[in-house]
Amino acid sequence: MLAGLKKQWTHFRKDPPGSRFRMRYERRSHHRKSPVARLAWTIAGIVAVVGGIVLMPAPGPGIPVVLVGAAILAEESLYVARALDWCELKLRGRSGRGSPKRRRSP
């Protein structure tokens, strides 16, 4: 199981920013489970997102729980995958990471 997660993470990291979640969705669509399993994963993602939102005011892992829930939802929904790709590009643009060149101040 750990080797499988490591392989998935390697694929995810190698995918270009802005299309990582969509490409993950497409890879997962080739190995689709039954509709019941898809529904179960969708519910698990929603519960994780809502649980993370509830945990945000408390000192705890609210934001990571929301991100994990969103990633689970992105595996089951193309719309969520595209939204996360868009968010990744916007956050990279604001943080300065991912810009082609950085100029150092003299």
N, C-alpha and C. Protein backbone atom coordinates (compact mmCIF):
# COMPACT_ATOMS: atom_id res chain seq x y z
N MET A 1 0.82 -1.19 0.00
CA MET A 1 0.00 0.00 0.00
C MET A 1 0.87 1.26 0.00
N LEU A 2 1.93 1.25 0.82
CA LEU A 2 2.80 2.41 0.88
C LEU A 2 3.52 2.64 -0.44
N ALA A 3 3.89 1.56 -1.12
CA ALA A 3 4.55 1.69 -2.42
C ALA A 3 3.60 2.30 -3.44
N GLY A 4 2.33 1.93 -3.37
CA GLY A 4 1.34 2.49 -4.29
C GLY A 4 1.15 3.98 -4.07
N LEU A 5 1.10 4.39 -2.80
CA LEU A 5 0.97 5.82 -2.49
C LEU A 5 2.19 6.60 -2.95
N LYS A 6 3.36 5.99 -2.78
CA LYS A 6 4.59 6.65 -3.21
C LYS A 6 4.59 6.84 -4.73
N LYS A 7 4.13 5.82 -5.46
CA LYS A 7 4.07 5.90 -6.92
C LYS A 7 3.07 6.97 -7.36
N GLN A 8 1.92 7.03 -6.70
CA GLN A 8 0.92 8.05 -7.04
C GLN A 8 1.47 9.45 -6.77
N TRP A 9 2.18 9.62 -5.66
CA TRP A 9 2.75 10.92 -5.33
C TRP A 9 3.80 11.33 -6.36
N THR A 10 4.60 10.36 -6.81
CA THR A 10 5.62 10.65 -7.82
C THR A 10 4.97 11.11 -9.12
N HIS A 11 3.92 10.43 -9.55
CA HIS A 11 3.20 10.85 -10.76
C HIS A 11 2.63 12.25 -10.58
N PHE A 12 2.04 12.50 -9.42
CA PHE A 12 1.42 13.79 -9.15
C PHE A 12 2.45 14.91 -9.20
N ARG A 13 3.62 14.69 -8.61
CA ARG A 13 4.67 15.71 -8.59
C ARG A 13 5.24 15.98 -9.97
N LYS A 14 5.29 14.94 -10.83
CA LYS A 14 5.85 15.11 -12.16
C LYS A 14 4.91 15.82 -13.11
N ASP A 15 3.60 15.77 -12.83
CA ASP A 15 2.64 16.45 -13.70
C ASP A 15 2.84 17.96 -13.62
N PRO A 16 2.60 18.66 -14.73
CA PRO A 16 2.82 20.11 -14.73
C PRO A 16 1.79 20.83 -13.86
N PRO A 17 2.21 21.89 -13.17
CA PRO A 17 1.27 22.67 -12.36
C PRO A 17 0.14 23.20 -13.23
N GLY A 18 -1.04 23.19 -12.69
CA GLY A 18 -2.20 23.67 -13.42
C GLY A 18 -2.96 22.57 -14.12
N SER A 19 -2.42 21.37 -14.12
CA SER A 19 -3.15 20.24 -14.71
C SER A 19 -2.95 18.96 -13.90
N ARG A 20 -2.37 19.09 -12.73
CA ARG A 20 -2.08 17.91 -11.90
C ARG A 20 -3.34 17.17 -11.49
N PHE A 21 -4.32 17.89 -10.99
CA PHE A 21 -5.53 17.26 -10.49
C PHE A 21 -6.36 16.67 -11.62
N ARG A 22 -6.39 17.36 -12.76
CA ARG A 22 -7.13 16.83 -13.90
C ARG A 22 -6.48 15.56 -14.41
N MET A 23 -5.15 15.55 -14.49
CA MET A 23 -4.45 14.35 -14.94
C MET A 23 -4.64 13.20 -13.96
N ARG A 24 -4.67 13.51 -12.67
CA ARG A 24 -4.93 12.48 -11.65
C ARG A 24 -6.34 11.92 -11.82
N TYR A 25 -7.29 12.82 -12.10
CA TYR A 25 -8.67 12.38 -12.34
C TYR A 25 -8.73 11.44 -13.54
N GLU A 26 -8.03 11.80 -14.61
CA GLU A 26 -8.05 10.97 -15.82
C GLU A 26 -7.38 9.62 -15.58
N ARG A 27 -6.28 9.61 -14.82
CA ARG A 27 -5.65 8.32 -14.50
C ARG A 27 -6.59 7.44 -13.68
N ARG A 28 -7.29 8.05 -12.75
CA ARG A 28 -8.22 7.29 -11.91
C ARG A 28 -9.45 6.84 -12.70
N SER A 29 -9.83 7.58 -13.74
CA SER A 29 -11.03 7.21 -14.49
C SER A 29 -10.84 5.91 -15.26
N HIS A 30 -9.58 5.53 -15.53
CA HIS A 30 -9.33 4.26 -16.20
C HIS A 30 -9.54 3.08 -15.27
N HIS A 31 -9.48 3.34 -13.97
CA HIS A 31 -9.63 2.27 -12.98
C HIS A 31 -10.87 2.53 -12.13
N ARG A 32 -11.93 2.97 -12.74
CA ARG A 32 -13.15 3.30 -12.00
C ARG A 32 -13.70 2.11 -11.26
N LYS A 33 -14.18 2.42 -10.08
CA LYS A 33 -14.82 1.41 -9.27
C LYS A 33 -16.32 1.39 -9.56
N SER A 34 -17.03 0.65 -8.77
CA SER A 34 -18.48 0.60 -8.92
C SER A 34 -19.08 1.94 -8.53
N PRO A 35 -20.31 2.21 -8.96
CA PRO A 35 -20.96 3.47 -8.58
C PRO A 35 -21.11 3.63 -7.07
N VAL A 36 -21.27 2.52 -6.38
CA VAL A 36 -21.40 2.59 -4.92
C VAL A 36 -20.08 3.06 -4.30
N ALA A 37 -18.96 2.55 -4.80
CA ALA A 37 -17.66 2.96 -4.29
C ALA A 37 -17.40 4.44 -4.61
N ARG A 38 -17.77 4.86 -5.79
CA ARG A 38 -17.60 6.28 -6.15
C ARG A 38 -18.41 7.17 -5.23
N LEU A 39 -19.65 6.75 -4.94
CA LEU A 39 -20.50 7.51 -4.03
C LEU A 39 -19.89 7.56 -2.63
N ALA A 40 -19.35 6.43 -2.18
CA ALA A 40 -18.72 6.38 -0.86
C ALA A 40 -17.52 7.32 -0.79
N TRP A 41 -16.67 7.35 -1.83
CA TRP A 41 -15.52 8.25 -1.84
C TRP A 41 -15.96 9.71 -1.90
N THR A 42 -17.03 9.99 -2.65
CA THR A 42 -17.54 11.35 -2.73
C THR A 42 -18.04 11.81 -1.36
N ILE A 43 -18.77 10.95 -0.69
CA ILE A 43 -19.27 11.28 0.66
C ILE A 43 -18.10 11.47 1.62
N ALA A 44 -17.09 10.61 1.52
CA ALA A 44 -15.91 10.75 2.39
C ALA A 44 -15.21 12.09 2.14
N GLY A 45 -15.11 12.51 0.90
CA GLY A 45 -14.50 13.80 0.58
C GLY A 45 -15.29 14.96 1.14
N ILE A 46 -16.61 14.89 1.02
CA ILE A 46 -17.48 15.96 1.54
C ILE A 46 -17.36 16.03 3.06
N VAL A 47 -17.38 14.86 3.71
CA VAL A 47 -17.26 14.82 5.17
C VAL A 47 -15.92 15.40 5.60
N ALA A 48 -14.84 15.09 4.88
CA ALA A 48 -13.53 15.62 5.23
C ALA A 48 -13.48 17.14 5.06
N VAL A 49 -14.06 17.65 3.99
CA VAL A 49 -14.07 19.10 3.77
C VAL A 49 -14.87 19.79 4.87
N VAL A 50 -16.06 19.29 5.16
CA VAL A 50 -16.90 19.90 6.19
C VAL A 50 -16.23 19.77 7.56
N GLY A 51 -15.65 18.61 7.85
CA GLY A 51 -14.95 18.43 9.12
C GLY A 51 -13.77 19.38 9.25
N GLY A 52 -13.04 19.60 8.17
CA GLY A 52 -11.92 20.54 8.20
C GLY A 52 -12.37 21.97 8.42
N ILE A 53 -13.49 22.32 7.83
CA ILE A 53 -14.04 23.67 8.04
C ILE A 53 -14.44 23.86 9.49
N VAL A 54 -15.03 22.83 10.08
CA VAL A 54 -15.43 22.90 11.48
C VAL A 54 -14.19 23.01 12.37
N LEU A 55 -13.10 22.33 12.01
CA LEU A 55 -11.88 22.34 12.82
C LEU A 55 -11.04 23.61 12.65
N MET A 56 -11.33 24.43 11.66
CA MET A 56 -10.47 25.60 11.40
C MET A 56 -10.34 26.55 12.59
N PRO A 57 -11.42 26.90 13.29
CA PRO A 57 -11.23 27.82 14.43
C PRO A 57 -10.45 27.20 15.58
N ALA A 58 -10.53 25.91 15.74
CA ALA A 58 -9.82 25.24 16.83
C ALA A 58 -8.36 25.03 16.45
N PRO A 59 -7.48 24.97 17.46
CA PRO A 59 -6.08 24.69 17.13
C PRO A 59 -5.94 23.23 16.72
N GLY A 60 -5.80 23.04 15.46
CA GLY A 60 -5.72 21.67 14.95
C GLY A 60 -5.53 21.67 13.45
N PRO A 61 -5.66 20.53 12.86
CA PRO A 61 -5.35 20.38 11.43
C PRO A 61 -6.54 20.70 10.52
N GLY A 62 -7.15 21.85 10.65
CA GLY A 62 -8.31 22.19 9.83
C GLY A 62 -8.00 22.31 8.36
N ILE A 63 -6.99 23.09 8.02
CA ILE A 63 -6.66 23.32 6.61
C ILE A 63 -6.17 22.05 5.93
N PRO A 64 -5.27 21.27 6.54
CA PRO A 64 -4.88 20.02 5.86
C PRO A 64 -6.04 19.05 5.65
N VAL A 65 -6.98 19.01 6.58
CA VAL A 65 -8.14 18.13 6.42
C VAL A 65 -9.00 18.58 5.24
N VAL A 66 -9.17 19.90 5.10
CA VAL A 66 -9.93 20.44 3.96
C VAL A 66 -9.22 20.09 2.66
N LEU A 67 -7.89 20.22 2.62
CA LEU A 67 -7.15 19.92 1.40
C LEU A 67 -7.23 18.45 1.03
N VAL A 68 -7.16 17.57 2.03
CA VAL A 68 -7.28 16.14 1.75
C VAL A 68 -8.68 15.82 1.23
N GLY A 69 -9.70 16.41 1.84
CA GLY A 69 -11.07 16.21 1.36
C GLY A 69 -11.26 16.71 -0.06
N ALA A 70 -10.68 17.87 -0.37
CA ALA A 70 -10.78 18.41 -1.72
C ALA A 70 -10.06 17.51 -2.73
N ALA A 71 -8.93 16.96 -2.33
CA ALA A 71 -8.20 16.04 -3.23
C ALA A 71 -9.01 14.77 -3.48
N ILE A 72 -9.68 14.27 -2.46
CA ILE A 72 -10.53 13.09 -2.63
C ILE A 72 -11.67 13.41 -3.59
N LEU A 73 -12.28 14.58 -3.43
CA LEU A 73 -13.36 14.98 -4.34
C LEU A 73 -12.85 15.17 -5.76
N ALA A 74 -11.62 15.67 -5.91
CA ALA A 74 -11.05 15.89 -7.25
C ALA A 74 -10.84 14.59 -7.99
N GLU A 75 -10.63 13.49 -7.26
CA GLU A 75 -10.48 12.20 -7.93
C GLU A 75 -11.79 11.69 -8.50
N GLU A 76 -12.90 12.19 -7.98
CA GLU A 76 -14.21 11.71 -8.41
C GLU A 76 -14.96 12.71 -9.29
N SER A 77 -14.51 13.96 -9.33
CA SER A 77 -15.23 14.99 -10.08
C SER A 77 -14.25 15.81 -10.93
N LEU A 78 -14.52 15.88 -12.21
CA LEU A 78 -13.68 16.67 -13.11
C LEU A 78 -13.78 18.16 -12.79
N TYR A 79 -14.97 18.61 -12.39
CA TYR A 79 -15.15 20.03 -12.06
C TYR A 79 -14.30 20.44 -10.86
N VAL A 80 -14.27 19.59 -9.85
CA VAL A 80 -13.45 19.88 -8.67
C VAL A 80 -11.97 19.83 -9.04
N ALA A 81 -11.58 18.88 -9.88
CA ALA A 81 -10.19 18.78 -10.32
C ALA A 81 -9.77 20.05 -11.06
N ARG A 82 -10.61 20.53 -11.94
CA ARG A 82 -10.28 21.77 -12.67
C ARG A 82 -10.21 22.96 -11.72
N ALA A 83 -11.11 23.01 -10.74
CA ALA A 83 -11.09 24.11 -9.77
C ALA A 83 -9.81 24.09 -8.95
N LEU A 84 -9.36 22.92 -8.54
CA LEU A 84 -8.11 22.84 -7.78
C LEU A 84 -6.90 23.19 -8.63
N ASP A 85 -6.92 22.82 -9.90
CA ASP A 85 -5.83 23.23 -10.80
C ASP A 85 -5.78 24.75 -10.93
N TRP A 86 -6.94 25.37 -11.06
CA TRP A 86 -7.01 26.82 -11.16
C TRP A 86 -6.49 27.47 -9.88
N CYS A 87 -6.91 26.92 -8.73
CA CYS A 87 -6.45 27.46 -7.44
C CYS A 87 -4.94 27.30 -7.29
N GLU A 88 -4.41 26.18 -7.75
CA GLU A 88 -2.97 25.97 -7.65
C GLU A 88 -2.21 27.03 -8.44
N LEU A 89 -2.68 27.32 -9.65
CA LEU A 89 -2.01 28.35 -10.45
C LEU A 89 -2.10 29.72 -9.80
N LYS A 90 -3.26 30.05 -9.25
CA LYS A 90 -3.42 31.35 -8.60
C LYS A 90 -2.52 31.47 -7.37
N LEU A 91 -2.46 30.41 -6.57
CA LEU A 91 -1.62 30.45 -5.37
C LEU A 91 -0.15 30.48 -5.73
N ARG A 92 0.25 29.78 -6.77
CA ARG A 92 1.65 29.82 -7.21
C ARG A 92 2.00 31.21 -7.73
N GLY A 93 1.08 31.86 -8.41
CA GLY A 93 1.33 33.20 -8.93
C GLY A 93 1.52 34.21 -7.81
N ARG A 94 0.74 34.07 -6.75
CA ARG A 94 0.84 35.00 -5.63
C ARG A 94 2.07 34.76 -4.79
N SER A 95 2.47 33.51 -4.67
CA SER A 95 3.61 33.21 -3.81
C SER A 95 4.94 33.46 -4.51
N GLY A 96 4.92 33.56 -5.83
CA GLY A 96 6.16 33.76 -6.58
C GLY A 96 6.81 32.44 -6.98
N ARG A 97 6.34 31.33 -6.40
CA ARG A 97 6.88 30.03 -6.79
C ARG A 97 6.28 29.66 -8.13
N GLY A 98 7.05 29.19 -9.00
CA GLY A 98 6.53 28.77 -10.29
C GLY A 98 6.69 29.83 -11.36
N SER A 99 7.11 31.04 -10.98
CA SER A 99 7.38 32.02 -12.01
C SER A 99 8.69 31.64 -12.69
N PRO A 100 8.81 31.87 -13.98
CA PRO A 100 9.99 31.40 -14.71
C PRO A 100 11.30 31.96 -14.18
N LYS A 101 11.34 33.25 -13.89
CA LYS A 101 12.58 33.87 -13.43
C LYS A 101 12.28 34.69 -12.18
N ARG A 102 13.17 34.63 -11.26
CA ARG A 102 13.08 35.52 -10.11
C ARG A 102 14.29 36.44 -10.15
N ARG A 103 14.02 37.67 -9.93
CA ARG A 103 15.13 38.62 -9.89
C ARG A 103 15.53 38.85 -8.46
N ARG A 104 16.79 38.82 -8.24
CA ARG A 104 17.30 39.11 -6.90
C ARG A 104 17.51 40.60 -6.76
N SER A 105 17.20 41.07 -5.60
CA SER A 105 17.44 42.49 -5.37
C SER A 105 18.93 42.71 -5.16
N PRO A 106 19.44 43.83 -5.62
CA PRO A 106 20.88 44.08 -5.52
C PRO A 106 21.33 44.33 -4.10
